[in-house]
Amino acid sequence: MQTLYRVLYRIGVTPWDGPGIPAPLMAEAGSAPPGIAVDLGCGTGHQARYLASRGWSVTAVDYLTEVIVTARSRDLDGSVIWRVADVTDLAAVDPGSRLAGRVTLVLDNGCLHGITGRRRGGWARTVGALAAPGCVLLIRAARRGHRGAGPRGIEPAELASLLGNGWLPAPLPAPGWHRYVRS
C-alpha cells in the first residue's frame, strides 16, 4: 500500500485528504475539552491542524516523508508535532514514551483499513499504549468488500477483536465511522 499511496500523492489523486473536516471529528472536538490528540495516518494534516486550532496538543503521524514535509509546511505557526513513522511501530510513533497513557483522542481517518494482516496488531498496540483512561478512538474505515480500488477494509467485529476488552464501543458517529472509549 505504501507505494500506491506514494504514487497517488504524487499525481494528486487523494480523495481521503481533502481540506474538509469530517463531521464526526468536528462533533468530537466540540464536545470535549481540548487534550492530547494523535492523528494516525495524518496525510497532509488538515485534521491535525483543525484540532490544534481548537486548543488540542496534537502529534500527527504518517509514514510518507514527502507528505509530512507538506503537512509541516502548511503548519505556519508550528502548532503540531509532525512525525514520519509507521503507525504499527510504537517506538517510532512515540519515541521516549512521552505520550504513553496520556492521549485523550486518537484519530484514524482511513489508516487502519489499509494495514494488512499481522501488522494490524502493531496498530492496536500503538493505540493501546498511547490511550489514557477515557480516551476516545475515532476511526473511519471501509468494510471488506467495498467497491473500488484502495484498502482491503475491516469489519466491525474484526475491529472490536483487534482492540480487545479495554475499549468500549460507543454509538457510531456517522456511516463508515467507529467510536470507542478506553475503559
C-alpha atoms as a PDB file:
ATOM      1  CA  MET A   1       0.000   0.000   0.000  1.00  0.00           C
ATOM      2  CA  GLN A   2       2.881   2.387   0.725  1.00  0.00           C
ATOM      3  CA  THR A   3       3.935   2.500  -2.921  1.00  0.00           C
ATOM      4  CA  LEU A   4       0.344   3.011  -4.043  1.00  0.00           C
ATOM      5  CA  TYR A   5      -0.174   5.917  -1.625  1.00  0.00           C
ATOM      6  CA  ARG A   6       3.134   7.499  -2.651  1.00  0.00           C
ATOM      7  CA  VAL A   7       2.089   7.372  -6.330  1.00  0.00           C
ATOM      8  CA  LEU A   8      -1.397   8.708  -5.608  1.00  0.00           C
ATOM      9  CA  TYR A   9       0.008  11.662  -3.641  1.00  0.00           C
ATOM     10  CA  ARG A  10       2.456  12.417  -6.467  1.00  0.00           C
ATOM     11  CA  ILE A  11      -0.270  12.542  -9.104  1.00  0.00           C
ATOM     12  CA  GLY A  12      -2.692  14.397  -6.837  1.00  0.00           C
ATOM     13  CA  VAL A  13      -5.371  11.703  -6.502  1.00  0.00           C
ATOM     14  CA  THR A  14      -6.079  11.907  -2.763  1.00  0.00           C
ATOM     15  CA  PRO A  15      -9.829  11.849  -2.071  1.00  0.00           C
ATOM     16  CA  TRP A  16      -9.150  10.909   1.586  1.00  0.00           C
ATOM     17  CA  ASP A  17      -7.017  14.005   2.120  1.00  0.00           C
ATOM     18  CA  GLY A  18      -9.323  16.892   1.302  1.00  0.00           C
ATOM     19  CA  PRO A  19      -9.491  20.123   3.278  1.00  0.00           C
ATOM     20  CA  GLY A  20     -12.959  19.370   4.688  1.00  0.00           C
ATOM     21  CA  ILE A  21     -13.173  18.325   8.317  1.00  0.00           C
ATOM     22  CA  PRO A  22     -15.316  15.218   8.857  1.00  0.00           C
ATOM     23  CA  ALA A  23     -18.473  15.846  10.890  1.00  0.00           C
ATOM     24  CA  PRO A  24     -17.619  13.134  13.464  1.00  0.00           C
ATOM     25  CA  LEU A  25     -14.311  14.869  14.216  1.00  0.00           C
ATOM     26  CA  MET A  26     -15.965  18.297  14.491  1.00  0.00           C
ATOM     27  CA  ALA A  27     -18.528  16.834  16.894  1.00  0.00           C
ATOM     28  CA  GLU A  28     -15.851  15.111  18.981  1.00  0.00           C
ATOM     29  CA  ALA A  29     -13.600  18.171  19.132  1.00  0.00           C
ATOM     30  CA  GLY A  30     -16.566  20.354  20.056  1.00  0.00           C
ATOM     31  CA  SER A  31     -17.919  18.106  22.800  1.00  0.00           C
ATOM     32  CA  ALA A  32     -14.773  17.523  24.841  1.00  0.00           C
ATOM     33  CA  PRO A  33     -12.301  19.918  26.413  1.00  0.00           C
ATOM     34  CA  PRO A  34      -9.063  20.037  24.425  1.00  0.00           C
ATOM     35  CA  GLY A  35      -6.491  17.487  25.481  1.00  0.00           C
ATOM     36  CA  ILE A  36      -3.778  15.479  23.810  1.00  0.00           C
ATOM     37  CA  ALA A  37      -4.569  14.064  20.370  1.00  0.00           C
ATOM     38  CA  VAL A  38      -2.738  11.769  17.985  1.00  0.00           C
ATOM     39  CA  ASP A  39      -3.688  11.646  14.303  1.00  0.00           C
ATOM     40  CA  LEU A  40      -2.598   8.291  12.847  1.00  0.00           C
ATOM     41  CA  GLY A  41      -2.127   8.358   9.073  1.00  0.00           C
ATOM     42  CA  CYS A  42      -2.482  12.145   9.052  1.00  0.00           C
ATOM     43  CA  GLY A  43      -1.744  12.745   5.376  1.00  0.00           C
ATOM     44  CA  THR A  44      -1.107  16.426   4.731  1.00  0.00           C
ATOM     45  CA  GLY A  45      -2.527  17.285   8.132  1.00  0.00           C
ATOM     46  CA  HIS A  46      -5.893  19.002   7.647  1.00  0.00           C
ATOM     47  CA  GLN A  47      -7.480  17.325  10.668  1.00  0.00           C
ATOM     48  CA  ALA A  48      -4.361  17.718  12.848  1.00  0.00           C
ATOM     49  CA  ARG A  49      -4.253  21.462  12.169  1.00  0.00           C
ATOM     50  CA  TYR A  50      -8.002  21.685  12.833  1.00  0.00           C
ATOM     51  CA  LEU A  51      -7.579  20.091  16.262  1.00  0.00           C
ATOM     52  CA  ALA A  52      -4.577  22.304  17.081  1.00  0.00           C
ATOM     53  CA  SER A  53      -6.576  25.397  16.130  1.00  0.00           C
ATOM     54  CA  ARG A  54      -9.112  24.381  18.772  1.00  0.00           C
ATOM     55  CA  GLY A  55      -6.563  24.100  21.547  1.00  0.00           C
ATOM     56  CA  TRP A  56      -5.563  20.442  21.302  1.00  0.00           C
ATOM     57  CA  SER A  57      -1.937  19.365  21.706  1.00  0.00           C
ATOM     58  CA  VAL A  58      -1.505  17.282  18.530  1.00  0.00           C
ATOM     59  CA  THR A  59       1.024  14.774  17.276  1.00  0.00           C
ATOM     60  CA  ALA A  60       0.398  13.772  13.667  1.00  0.00           C
ATOM     61  CA  VAL A  61       1.963  10.671  12.127  1.00  0.00           C
ATOM     62  CA  ASP A  62       2.332   9.388   8.583  1.00  0.00           C
ATOM     63  CA  TYR A  63       4.851   7.018   7.034  1.00  0.00           C
ATOM     64  CA  LEU A  64       5.415   9.055   3.855  1.00  0.00           C
ATOM     65  CA  THR A  65       8.180  11.597   4.355  1.00  0.00           C
ATOM     66  CA  GLU A  66       7.020  13.818   1.498  1.00  0.00           C
ATOM     67  CA  VAL A  67       3.513  14.009   2.974  1.00  0.00           C
ATOM     68  CA  ILE A  68       4.834  15.081   6.375  1.00  0.00           C
ATOM     69  CA  VAL A  69       7.048  17.684   4.663  1.00  0.00           C
ATOM     70  CA  THR A  70       3.918  19.111   3.011  1.00  0.00           C
ATOM     71  CA  ALA A  71       1.964  18.996   6.274  1.00  0.00           C
ATOM     72  CA  ARG A  72       4.745  20.749   8.173  1.00  0.00           C
ATOM     73  CA  SER A  73       4.969  23.479   5.507  1.00  0.00           C
ATOM     74  CA  ARG A  74       1.249  24.206   5.914  1.00  0.00           C
ATOM     75  CA  ASP A  75       1.507  24.476   9.705  1.00  0.00           C
ATOM     76  CA  LEU A  76       2.573  28.108   9.676  1.00  0.00           C
ATOM     77  CA  ASP A  77       2.510  28.564  13.444  1.00  0.00           C
ATOM     78  CA  GLY A  78       4.159  25.210  14.222  1.00  0.00           C
ATOM     79  CA  SER A  79       1.254  24.085  16.373  1.00  0.00           C
ATOM     80  CA  VAL A  80       1.503  20.347  15.542  1.00  0.00           C
ATOM     81  CA  ILE A  81       4.275  17.837  16.185  1.00  0.00           C
ATOM     82  CA  TRP A  82       4.814  16.110  12.827  1.00  0.00           C
ATOM     83  CA  ARG A  83       6.340  12.648  12.816  1.00  0.00           C
ATOM     84  CA  VAL A  84       7.384  10.325   9.983  1.00  0.00           C
ATOM     85  CA  ALA A  85       6.601   6.902  11.401  1.00  0.00           C
ATOM     86  CA  ASP A  86       4.846   3.636  10.738  1.00  0.00           C
ATOM     87  CA  VAL A  87       1.764   3.591  12.988  1.00  0.00           C
ATOM     88  CA  THR A  88       2.418  -0.081  13.761  1.00  0.00           C
ATOM     89  CA  ASP A  89       5.744   0.821  15.424  1.00  0.00           C
ATOM     90  CA  LEU A  90       5.053   2.350  18.836  1.00  0.00           C
ATOM     91  CA  ALA A  91       8.683   3.379  19.400  1.00  0.00           C
ATOM     92  CA  ALA A  92       8.623   5.403  16.161  1.00  0.00           C
ATOM     93  CA  VAL A  93       5.224   6.970  16.876  1.00  0.00           C
ATOM     94  CA  ASP A  94       6.121   7.868  20.460  1.00  0.00           C
ATOM     95  CA  PRO A  95       9.901   7.981  20.898  1.00  0.00           C
ATOM     96  CA  GLY A  96      10.752   8.334  24.551  1.00  0.00           C
ATOM     97  CA  SER A  97       7.193   7.305  25.553  1.00  0.00           C
ATOM     98  CA  ARG A  98       6.202  10.909  26.248  1.00  0.00           C
ATOM     99  CA  LEU A  99       2.627  10.290  25.117  1.00  0.00           C
ATOM    100  CA  ALA A 100       2.183   6.858  26.724  1.00  0.00           C
ATOM    101  CA  GLY A 101      -1.086   6.668  28.626  1.00  0.00           C
ATOM    102  CA  ARG A 102      -1.772  10.400  28.187  1.00  0.00           C
ATOM    103  CA  VAL A 103      -3.649  10.704  24.877  1.00  0.00           C
ATOM    104  CA  THR A 104      -7.329  11.649  25.143  1.00  0.00           C
ATOM    105  CA  LEU A 105      -8.219  11.443  21.433  1.00  0.00           C
ATOM    106  CA  VAL A 106      -6.828   9.084  18.804  1.00  0.00           C
ATOM    107  CA  LEU A 107      -7.956   9.831  15.249  1.00  0.00           C
ATOM    108  CA  ASP A 108      -7.598   7.308  12.451  1.00  0.00           C
ATOM    109  CA  ASN A 109      -9.279   8.716   9.360  1.00  0.00           C
ATOM    110  CA  GLY A 110      -8.705   5.837   6.952  1.00  0.00           C
ATOM    111  CA  CYS A 111      -5.375   4.390   8.096  1.00  0.00           C
ATOM    112  CA  LEU A 112      -6.185   1.076   9.819  1.00  0.00           C
ATOM    113  CA  HIS A 113      -8.285  -0.350   6.998  1.00  0.00           C
ATOM    114  CA  GLY A 114      -5.240  -0.226   4.705  1.00  0.00           C
ATOM    115  CA  ILE A 115      -2.967  -2.097   7.105  1.00  0.00           C
ATOM    116  CA  THR A 116      -2.767  -5.778   6.317  1.00  0.00           C
ATOM    117  CA  GLY A 117      -2.644  -8.969   8.352  1.00  0.00           C
ATOM    118  CA  ARG A 118      -0.413  -9.246  11.406  1.00  0.00           C
ATOM    119  CA  ARG A 119       0.655  -5.607  11.141  1.00  0.00           C
ATOM    120  CA  ARG A 120      -2.763  -4.615  12.474  1.00  0.00           C
ATOM    121  CA  GLY A 121      -1.679  -5.927  15.869  1.00  0.00           C
ATOM    122  CA  GLY A 122       1.082  -3.295  15.879  1.00  0.00           C
ATOM    123  CA  TRP A 123      -1.532  -0.601  15.228  1.00  0.00           C
ATOM    124  CA  ALA A 124      -3.584  -1.906  18.178  1.00  0.00           C
ATOM    125  CA  ARG A 125      -0.506  -1.951  20.461  1.00  0.00           C
ATOM    126  CA  THR A 126       0.283   1.643  19.470  1.00  0.00           C
ATOM    127  CA  VAL A 127      -3.259   2.823  20.152  1.00  0.00           C
ATOM    128  CA  GLY A 128      -3.446   0.915  23.432  1.00  0.00           C
ATOM    129  CA  ALA A 129      -0.132   2.275  24.704  1.00  0.00           C
ATOM    130  CA  LEU A 130      -0.979   5.888  23.855  1.00  0.00           C
ATOM    131  CA  ALA A 131      -4.516   5.961  25.273  1.00  0.00           C
ATOM    132  CA  ALA A 132      -5.373   7.395  28.672  1.00  0.00           C
ATOM    133  CA  PRO A 133      -8.432   6.072  30.522  1.00  0.00           C
ATOM    134  CA  GLY A 134     -11.462   7.663  28.879  1.00  0.00           C
ATOM    135  CA  CYS A 135      -9.592   8.238  25.599  1.00  0.00           C
ATOM    136  CA  VAL A 136     -11.828   8.413  22.546  1.00  0.00           C
ATOM    137  CA  LEU A 137     -10.756   6.418  19.493  1.00  0.00           C
ATOM    138  CA  LEU A 138     -12.381   7.764  16.333  1.00  0.00           C
ATOM    139  CA  ILE A 139     -11.890   5.601  13.239  1.00  0.00           C
ATOM    140  CA  ARG A 140     -13.102   5.860   9.648  1.00  0.00           C
ATOM    141  CA  ALA A 141     -12.776   2.510   7.930  1.00  0.00           C
ATOM    142  CA  ALA A 142     -14.303   0.895   4.874  1.00  0.00           C
ATOM    143  CA  ARG A 143     -15.755  -2.559   5.290  1.00  0.00           C
ATOM    144  CA  ARG A 144     -14.299  -5.530   3.495  1.00  0.00           C
ATOM    145  CA  GLY A 145     -15.653  -5.988   0.009  1.00  0.00           C
ATOM    146  CA  HIS A 146     -16.314  -2.294  -0.623  1.00  0.00           C
ATOM    147  CA  ARG A 147     -16.310  -1.329  -4.270  1.00  0.00           C
ATOM    148  CA  GLY A 148     -13.424   0.456  -5.886  1.00  0.00           C
ATOM    149  CA  ALA A 149      -9.693   0.467  -5.551  1.00  0.00           C
ATOM    150  CA  GLY A 150      -7.974   1.034  -2.302  1.00  0.00           C
ATOM    151  CA  PRO A 151      -7.654  -0.526   1.118  1.00  0.00           C
ATOM    152  CA  ARG A 152      -8.979  -4.003   1.745  1.00  0.00           C
ATOM    153  CA  GLY A 153     -11.182  -2.819   4.611  1.00  0.00           C
ATOM    154  CA  ILE A 154     -12.054  -4.156   8.030  1.00  0.00           C
ATOM    155  CA  GLU A 155     -15.263  -5.495   9.529  1.00  0.00           C
ATOM    156  CA  PRO A 156     -16.654  -4.052  12.779  1.00  0.00           C
ATOM    157  CA  ALA A 157     -16.209  -7.419  14.535  1.00  0.00           C
ATOM    158  CA  GLU A 158     -12.546  -7.529  13.427  1.00  0.00           C
ATOM    159  CA  LEU A 159     -12.024  -4.031  14.802  1.00  0.00           C
ATOM    160  CA  ALA A 160     -13.612  -4.937  18.147  1.00  0.00           C
ATOM    161  CA  SER A 161     -11.492  -8.080  18.383  1.00  0.00           C
ATOM    162  CA  LEU A 162      -8.334  -6.175  17.489  1.00  0.00           C
ATOM    163  CA  LEU A 163      -8.954  -3.601  20.218  1.00  0.00           C
ATOM    164  CA  GLY A 164      -9.848  -6.177  22.871  1.00  0.00           C
ATOM    165  CA  ASN A 165     -11.653  -5.725  26.165  1.00  0.00           C
ATOM    166  CA  GLY A 166     -10.048  -2.411  27.110  1.00  0.00           C
ATOM    167  CA  TRP A 167     -12.242  -0.465  24.688  1.00  0.00           C
ATOM    168  CA  LEU A 168     -15.991   0.061  24.861  1.00  0.00           C
ATOM    169  CA  PRO A 169     -17.913   0.671  21.641  1.00  0.00           C
ATOM    170  CA  ALA A 170     -19.850   3.916  21.574  1.00  0.00           C
ATOM    171  CA  PRO A 171     -22.659   4.975  19.224  1.00  0.00           C
ATOM    172  CA  LEU A 172     -21.498   5.253  15.614  1.00  0.00           C
ATOM    173  CA  PRO A 173     -20.961   8.926  14.777  1.00  0.00           C
ATOM    174  CA  ALA A 174     -21.647   8.506  11.019  1.00  0.00           C
ATOM    175  CA  PRO A 175     -21.700   5.793   8.351  1.00  0.00           C
ATOM    176  CA  GLY A 176     -18.219   4.326   7.935  1.00  0.00           C
ATOM    177  CA  TRP A 177     -17.054   5.693  11.285  1.00  0.00           C
ATOM    178  CA  HIS A 178     -16.454   3.879  14.578  1.00  0.00           C
ATOM    179  CA  ARG A 179     -16.096   5.363  18.054  1.00  0.00           C
ATOM    180  CA  TYR A 180     -14.623   3.579  21.066  1.00  0.00           C
ATOM    181  CA  VAL A 181     -13.838   4.779  24.582  1.00  0.00           C
ATOM    182  CA  ARG A 182     -10.945   3.388  26.634  1.00  0.00           C
ATOM    183  CA  SER A 183     -12.225   1.790  29.839  1.00  0.00           C
END
